[in-house]
Amino acid sequence: MNMNEIIMKIDDLCINHGLSYDRTPPIQVSPGVFMFSVVEMNHSCSKHGQCRQTQRYAIMKGNRFVLG
């Protein structure tokens, strides 16, 4: 899987979990584990602009990713 495919899969994962991911290439921290930054699109962020960026991990499980 190339980096563009990884970014797209992480982006889809984030959308499904209400997270905003800017598609910056993730950092591979170990085999099959990638670290990336997201913003949780909760009420405080979307309505009041009080957004917080956090680090998340995507773990490769076969041909898909899950949040770690």
PDB file of N, CA and C in Angstrom:
ATOM      1  N   MET A   1       0.851  -1.169   0.000  1.00  0.00           N
ATOM      2  CA  MET A   1       0.000   0.000   0.000  1.00  0.00           C
ATOM      3  C   MET A   1       0.899   1.236   0.000  1.00  0.00           C
ATOM      4  N   ASN A   2       0.656   2.162  -0.926  1.00  0.00           N
ATOM      5  CA  ASN A   2       1.485   3.361  -0.984  1.00  0.00           C
ATOM      6  C   ASN A   2       0.928   4.452  -0.054  1.00  0.00           C
ATOM      7  N   MET A   3       1.677   5.535   0.124  1.00  0.00           N
ATOM      8  CA  MET A   3       1.306   6.571   1.081  1.00  0.00           C
ATOM      9  C   MET A   3      -0.025   7.232   0.731  1.00  0.00           C
ATOM     10  N   ASN A   4      -0.294   7.455  -0.549  1.00  0.00           N
ATOM     11  CA  ASN A   4      -1.577   8.062  -0.933  1.00  0.00           C
ATOM     12  C   ASN A   4      -2.751   7.175  -0.552  1.00  0.00           C
ATOM     13  N   GLU A   5      -2.611   5.877  -0.715  1.00  0.00           N
ATOM     14  CA  GLU A   5      -3.673   4.943  -0.316  1.00  0.00           C
ATOM     15  C   GLU A   5      -3.857   4.950   1.201  1.00  0.00           C
ATOM     16  N   ILE A   6      -2.751   5.003   1.937  1.00  0.00           N
ATOM     17  CA  ILE A   6      -2.817   5.056   3.399  1.00  0.00           C
ATOM     18  C   ILE A   6      -3.535   6.328   3.843  1.00  0.00           C
ATOM     19  N   ILE A   7      -3.177   7.461   3.244  1.00  0.00           N
ATOM     20  CA  ILE A   7      -3.812   8.738   3.593  1.00  0.00           C
ATOM     21  C   ILE A   7      -5.311   8.679   3.323  1.00  0.00           C
ATOM     22  N   MET A   8      -5.710   8.133   2.192  1.00  0.00           N
ATOM     23  CA  MET A   8      -7.137   8.054   1.858  1.00  0.00           C
ATOM     24  C   MET A   8      -7.891   7.149   2.827  1.00  0.00           C
ATOM     25  N   LYS A   9      -7.279   6.030   3.211  1.00  0.00           N
ATOM     26  CA  LYS A   9      -7.933   5.119   4.163  1.00  0.00           C
ATOM     27  C   LYS A   9      -8.050   5.771   5.547  1.00  0.00           C
ATOM     28  N   ILE A  10      -7.012   6.490   5.974  1.00  0.00           N
ATOM     29  CA  ILE A  10      -7.073   7.187   7.256  1.00  0.00           C
ATOM     30  C   ILE A  10      -8.124   8.302   7.197  1.00  0.00           C
ATOM     31  N   ASP A  11      -8.208   8.997   6.073  1.00  0.00           N
ATOM     32  CA  ASP A  11      -9.211  10.048   5.913  1.00  0.00           C
ATOM     33  C   ASP A  11     -10.620   9.464   6.019  1.00  0.00           C
ATOM     34  N   ASP A  12     -10.881   8.355   5.354  1.00  0.00           N
ATOM     35  CA  ASP A  12     -12.192   7.706   5.443  1.00  0.00           C
ATOM     36  C   ASP A  12     -12.498   7.281   6.876  1.00  0.00           C
ATOM     37  N   LEU A  13     -11.509   6.736   7.555  1.00  0.00           N
ATOM     38  CA  LEU A  13     -11.670   6.323   8.945  1.00  0.00           C
ATOM     39  C   LEU A  13     -12.035   7.518   9.818  1.00  0.00           C
ATOM     40  N   CYS A  14     -11.348   8.627   9.615  1.00  0.00           N
ATOM     41  CA  CYS A  14     -11.612   9.828  10.403  1.00  0.00           C
ATOM     42  C   CYS A  14     -13.015  10.367  10.147  1.00  0.00           C
ATOM     43  N   ILE A  15     -13.426  10.403   8.898  1.00  0.00           N
ATOM     44  CA  ILE A  15     -14.776  10.874   8.565  1.00  0.00           C
ATOM     45  C   ILE A  15     -15.820  10.034   9.290  1.00  0.00           C
ATOM     46  N   ASN A  16     -15.621   8.729   9.328  1.00  0.00           N
ATOM     47  CA  ASN A  16     -16.568   7.828   9.996  1.00  0.00           C
ATOM     48  C   ASN A  16     -16.608   8.020  11.506  1.00  0.00           C
ATOM     49  N   HIS A  17     -15.566   8.647  12.079  1.00  0.00           N
ATOM     50  CA  HIS A  17     -15.504   8.856  13.528  1.00  0.00           C
ATOM     51  C   HIS A  17     -15.644  10.333  13.922  1.00  0.00           C
ATOM     52  N   GLY A  18     -16.084  11.175  13.002  1.00  0.00           N
ATOM     53  CA  GLY A  18     -16.303  12.585  13.310  1.00  0.00           C
ATOM     54  C   GLY A  18     -15.029  13.367  13.566  1.00  0.00           C
ATOM     55  N   LEU A  19     -13.955  12.974  12.893  1.00  0.00           N
ATOM     56  CA  LEU A  19     -12.670  13.635  13.052  1.00  0.00           C
ATOM     57  C   LEU A  19     -12.285  14.347  11.756  1.00  0.00           C
ATOM     58  N   SER A  20     -11.637  15.467  11.884  1.00  0.00           N
ATOM     59  CA  SER A  20     -11.148  16.208  10.723  1.00  0.00           C
ATOM     60  C   SER A  20      -9.655  15.946  10.578  1.00  0.00           C
ATOM     61  N   TYR A  21      -9.276  15.408   9.434  1.00  0.00           N
ATOM     62  CA  TYR A  21      -7.883  15.055   9.141  1.00  0.00           C
ATOM     63  C   TYR A  21      -7.477  15.828   7.895  1.00  0.00           C
ATOM     64  N   ASP A  22      -6.361  16.538   7.954  1.00  0.00           N
ATOM     65  CA  ASP A  22      -5.959  17.408   6.844  1.00  0.00           C
ATOM     66  C   ASP A  22      -5.124  16.698   5.783  1.00  0.00           C
ATOM     67  N   ARG A  23      -5.026  15.403   5.867  1.00  0.00           N
ATOM     68  CA  ARG A  23      -4.299  14.568   4.894  1.00  0.00           C
ATOM     69  C   ARG A  23      -2.789  14.816   4.876  1.00  0.00           C
ATOM     70  N   THR A  24      -2.257  15.312   5.976  1.00  0.00           N
ATOM     71  CA  THR A  24      -0.804  15.384   6.120  1.00  0.00           C
ATOM     72  C   THR A  24      -0.303  13.941   6.235  1.00  0.00           C
ATOM     73  N   PRO A  25       0.770  13.588   5.538  1.00  0.00           N
ATOM     74  CA  PRO A  25       1.252  12.204   5.627  1.00  0.00           C
ATOM     75  C   PRO A  25       1.493  11.784   7.086  1.00  0.00           C
ATOM     76  N   PRO A  26       0.955  10.623   7.464  1.00  0.00           N
ATOM     77  CA  PRO A  26       1.153  10.138   8.829  1.00  0.00           C
ATOM     78  C   PRO A  26       2.582   9.656   9.039  1.00  0.00           C
ATOM     79  N   ILE A  27       2.944   9.525  10.300  1.00  0.00           N
ATOM     80  CA  ILE A  27       4.267   9.017  10.671  1.00  0.00           C
ATOM     81  C   ILE A  27       4.106   7.549  11.053  1.00  0.00           C
ATOM     82  N   GLN A  28       4.877   6.690  10.407  1.00  0.00           N
ATOM     83  CA  GLN A  28       4.834   5.275  10.765  1.00  0.00           C
ATOM     84  C   GLN A  28       5.676   5.080  12.016  1.00  0.00           C
ATOM     85  N   VAL A  29       5.010   4.691  13.120  1.00  0.00           N
ATOM     86  CA  VAL A  29       5.705   4.550  14.397  1.00  0.00           C
ATOM     87  C   VAL A  29       6.131   3.114  14.673  1.00  0.00           C
ATOM     88  N   SER A  30       5.528   2.178  13.985  1.00  0.00           N
ATOM     89  CA  SER A  30       5.938   0.770  14.017  1.00  0.00           C
ATOM     90  C   SER A  30       5.253   0.097  12.834  1.00  0.00           C
ATOM     91  N   PRO A  31       5.612  -1.140  12.520  1.00  0.00           N
ATOM     92  CA  PRO A  31       4.990  -1.786  11.359  1.00  0.00           C
ATOM     93  C   PRO A  31       3.459  -1.818  11.472  1.00  0.00           C
ATOM     94  N   GLY A  32       2.791  -1.204  10.508  1.00  0.00           N
ATOM     95  CA  GLY A  32       1.331  -1.204  10.483  1.00  0.00           C
ATOM     96  C   GLY A  32       0.669  -0.212  11.415  1.00  0.00           C
ATOM     97  N   VAL A  33       1.439   0.663  12.065  1.00  0.00           N
ATOM     98  CA  VAL A  33       0.879   1.657  12.989  1.00  0.00           C
ATOM     99  C   VAL A  33       1.332   3.043  12.555  1.00  0.00           C
ATOM    100  N   PHE A  34       0.355   3.930  12.343  1.00  0.00           N
ATOM    101  CA  PHE A  34       0.631   5.273  11.862  1.00  0.00           C
ATOM    102  C   PHE A  34       0.055   6.313  12.813  1.00  0.00           C
ATOM    103  N   MET A  35       0.834   7.353  13.102  1.00  0.00           N
ATOM    104  CA  MET A  35       0.403   8.448  13.968  1.00  0.00           C
ATOM    105  C   MET A  35       0.073   9.654  13.088  1.00  0.00           C
ATOM    106  N   PHE A  36      -1.013  10.349  13.426  1.00  0.00           N
ATOM    107  CA  PHE A  36      -1.436  11.513  12.655  1.00  0.00           C
ATOM    108  C   PHE A  36      -2.212  12.455  13.563  1.00  0.00           C
ATOM    109  N   SER A  37      -2.402  13.684  13.117  1.00  0.00           N
ATOM    110  CA  SER A  37      -3.115  14.697  13.901  1.00  0.00           C
ATOM    111  C   SER A  37      -4.523  14.888  13.360  1.00  0.00           C
ATOM    112  N   VAL A  38      -5.468  15.071  14.272  1.00  0.00           N
ATOM    113  CA  VAL A  38      -6.866  15.301  13.905  1.00  0.00           C
ATOM    114  C   VAL A  38      -7.467  16.372  14.804  1.00  0.00           C
ATOM    115  N   VAL A  39      -8.617  16.863  14.379  1.00  0.00           N
ATOM    116  CA  VAL A  39      -9.438  17.741  15.208  1.00  0.00           C
ATOM    117  C   VAL A  39     -10.781  17.054  15.355  1.00  0.00           C
ATOM    118  N   GLU A  40     -11.234  16.887  16.600  1.00  0.00           N
ATOM    119  CA  GLU A  40     -12.542  16.290  16.841  1.00  0.00           C
ATOM    120  C   GLU A  40     -13.608  17.335  16.538  1.00  0.00           C
ATOM    121  N   MET A  41     -14.499  17.011  15.622  1.00  0.00           N
ATOM    122  CA  MET A  41     -15.523  17.958  15.202  1.00  0.00           C
ATOM    123  C   MET A  41     -16.747  17.843  16.107  1.00  0.00           C
ATOM    124  N   ASN A  42     -16.564  18.233  17.362  1.00  0.00           N
ATOM    125  CA  ASN A  42     -17.659  18.186  18.326  1.00  0.00           C
ATOM    126  C   ASN A  42     -18.417  19.521  18.325  1.00  0.00           C
ATOM    127  N   HIS A  43     -19.412  19.652  19.182  1.00  0.00           N
ATOM    128  CA  HIS A  43     -20.241  20.865  19.244  1.00  0.00           C
ATOM    129  C   HIS A  43     -19.395  22.093  19.545  1.00  0.00           C
ATOM    130  N   SER A  44     -18.506  21.999  20.493  1.00  0.00           N
ATOM    131  CA  SER A  44     -17.662  23.133  20.884  1.00  0.00           C
ATOM    132  C   SER A  44     -16.814  23.626  19.719  1.00  0.00           C
ATOM    133  N   CYS A  45     -16.330  22.710  18.911  1.00  0.00           N
ATOM    134  CA  CYS A  45     -15.481  23.081  17.777  1.00  0.00           C
ATOM    135  C   CYS A  45     -16.313  23.651  16.629  1.00  0.00           C
ATOM    136  N   SER A  46     -17.353  22.925  16.254  1.00  0.00           N
ATOM    137  CA  SER A  46     -18.109  23.346  15.076  1.00  0.00           C
ATOM    138  C   SER A  46     -18.959  24.587  15.314  1.00  0.00           C
ATOM    139  N   LYS A  47     -19.432  24.803  16.525  1.00  0.00           N
ATOM    140  CA  LYS A  47     -20.301  25.953  16.803  1.00  0.00           C
ATOM    141  C   LYS A  47     -19.567  27.160  17.363  1.00  0.00           C
ATOM    142  N   HIS A  48     -18.513  26.918  18.163  1.00  0.00           N
ATOM    143  CA  HIS A  48     -17.851  28.020  18.871  1.00  0.00           C
ATOM    144  C   HIS A  48     -16.392  28.220  18.474  1.00  0.00           C
ATOM    145  N   GLY A  49     -15.870  27.371  17.605  1.00  0.00           N
ATOM    146  CA  GLY A  49     -14.484  27.519  17.161  1.00  0.00           C
ATOM    147  C   GLY A  49     -13.454  27.129  18.200  1.00  0.00           C
ATOM    148  N   GLN A  50     -13.884  26.428  19.245  1.00  0.00           N
ATOM    149  CA  GLN A  50     -12.960  25.973  20.293  1.00  0.00           C
ATOM    150  C   GLN A  50     -12.517  24.556  19.957  1.00  0.00           C
ATOM    151  N   CYS A  51     -11.566  24.479  19.025  1.00  0.00           N
ATOM    152  CA  CYS A  51     -11.118  23.193  18.497  1.00  0.00           C
ATOM    153  C   CYS A  51      -9.756  22.829  19.082  1.00  0.00           C
ATOM    154  N   ARG A  52      -9.557  21.546  19.243  1.00  0.00           N
ATOM    155  CA  ARG A  52      -8.306  21.059  19.814  1.00  0.00           C
ATOM    156  C   ARG A  52      -7.734  19.964  18.915  1.00  0.00           C
ATOM    157  N   GLN A  53      -6.471  20.133  18.550  1.00  0.00           N
ATOM    158  CA  GLN A  53      -5.804  19.132  17.735  1.00  0.00           C
ATOM    159  C   GLN A  53      -5.197  18.076  18.642  1.00  0.00           C
ATOM    160  N   THR A  54      -5.396  16.809  18.300  1.00  0.00           N
ATOM    161  CA  THR A  54      -4.850  15.707  19.086  1.00  0.00           C
ATOM    162  C   THR A  54      -4.171  14.706  18.159  1.00  0.00           C
ATOM    163  N   GLN A  55      -3.349  13.863  18.741  1.00  0.00           N
ATOM    164  CA  GLN A  55      -2.676  12.797  18.005  1.00  0.00           C
ATOM    165  C   GLN A  55      -3.525  11.539  18.101  1.00  0.00           C
ATOM    166  N   ARG A  56      -3.645  10.840  17.004  1.00  0.00           N
ATOM    167  CA  ARG A  56      -4.339   9.553  16.965  1.00  0.00           C
ATOM    168  C   ARG A  56      -3.452   8.547  16.254  1.00  0.00           C
ATOM    169  N   TYR A  57      -3.828   7.287  16.381  1.00  0.00           N
ATOM    170  CA  TYR A  57      -3.086   6.205  15.743  1.00  0.00           C
ATOM    171  C   TYR A  57      -4.043   5.375  14.894  1.00  0.00           C
ATOM    172  N   ALA A  58      -3.582   4.998  13.723  1.00  0.00           N
ATOM    173  CA  ALA A  58      -4.314   4.074  12.859  1.00  0.00           C
ATOM    174  C   ALA A  58      -3.513   2.781  12.812  1.00  0.00           C
ATOM    175  N   ILE A  59      -4.208   1.680  13.054  1.00  0.00           N
ATOM    176  CA  ILE A  59      -3.573   0.364  13.063  1.00  0.00           C
ATOM    177  C   ILE A  59      -4.095  -0.413  11.863  1.00  0.00           C
ATOM    178  N   MET A  60      -3.170  -0.896  11.058  1.00  0.00           N
ATOM    179  CA  MET A  60      -3.548  -1.653   9.871  1.00  0.00           C
ATOM    180  C   MET A  60      -3.966  -3.061  10.268  1.00  0.00           C
ATOM    181  N   LYS A  61      -5.173  -3.430   9.841  1.00  0.00           N
ATOM    182  CA  LYS A  61      -5.706  -4.781  10.070  1.00  0.00           C
ATOM    183  C   LYS A  61      -6.070  -5.343   8.709  1.00  0.00           C
ATOM    184  N   GLY A  62      -5.177  -6.094   8.135  1.00  0.00           N
ATOM    185  CA  GLY A  62      -5.391  -6.594   6.779  1.00  0.00           C
ATOM    186  C   GLY A  62      -5.291  -5.454   5.793  1.00  0.00           C
ATOM    187  N   ASN A  63      -6.391  -5.175   5.086  1.00  0.00           N
ATOM    188  CA  ASN A  63      -6.412  -4.100   4.083  1.00  0.00           C
ATOM    189  C   ASN A  63      -7.195  -2.880   4.569  1.00  0.00           C
ATOM    190  N   ARG A  64      -7.461  -2.792   5.874  1.00  0.00           N
ATOM    191  CA  ARG A  64      -8.196  -1.653   6.426  1.00  0.00           C
ATOM    192  C   ARG A  64      -7.508  -1.150   7.681  1.00  0.00           C
ATOM    193  N   PHE A  65      -7.977  -0.017   8.186  1.00  0.00           N
ATOM    194  CA  PHE A  65      -7.406   0.575   9.392  1.00  0.00           C
ATOM    195  C   PHE A  65      -8.463   0.673  10.478  1.00  0.00           C
ATOM    196  N   VAL A  66      -8.017   0.614  11.719  1.00  0.00           N
ATOM    197  CA  VAL A  66      -8.862   0.897  12.879  1.00  0.00           C
ATOM    198  C   VAL A  66      -8.130   1.933  13.722  1.00  0.00           C
ATOM    199  N   LEU A  67      -8.886   2.719  14.479  1.00  0.00           N
ATOM    200  CA  LEU A  67      -8.261   3.689  15.375  1.00  0.00           C
ATOM    201  C   LEU A  67      -7.686   2.969  16.586  1.00  0.00           C
ATOM    202  N   GLY A  68      -6.516   3.393  16.991  1.00  0.00           N
ATOM    203  CA  GLY A  68      -5.872   2.791  18.151  1.00  0.00           C
ATOM    204  C   GLY A  68      -5.989   3.655  19.366  1.00  0.00           C
TER     205      GLY A  68
END
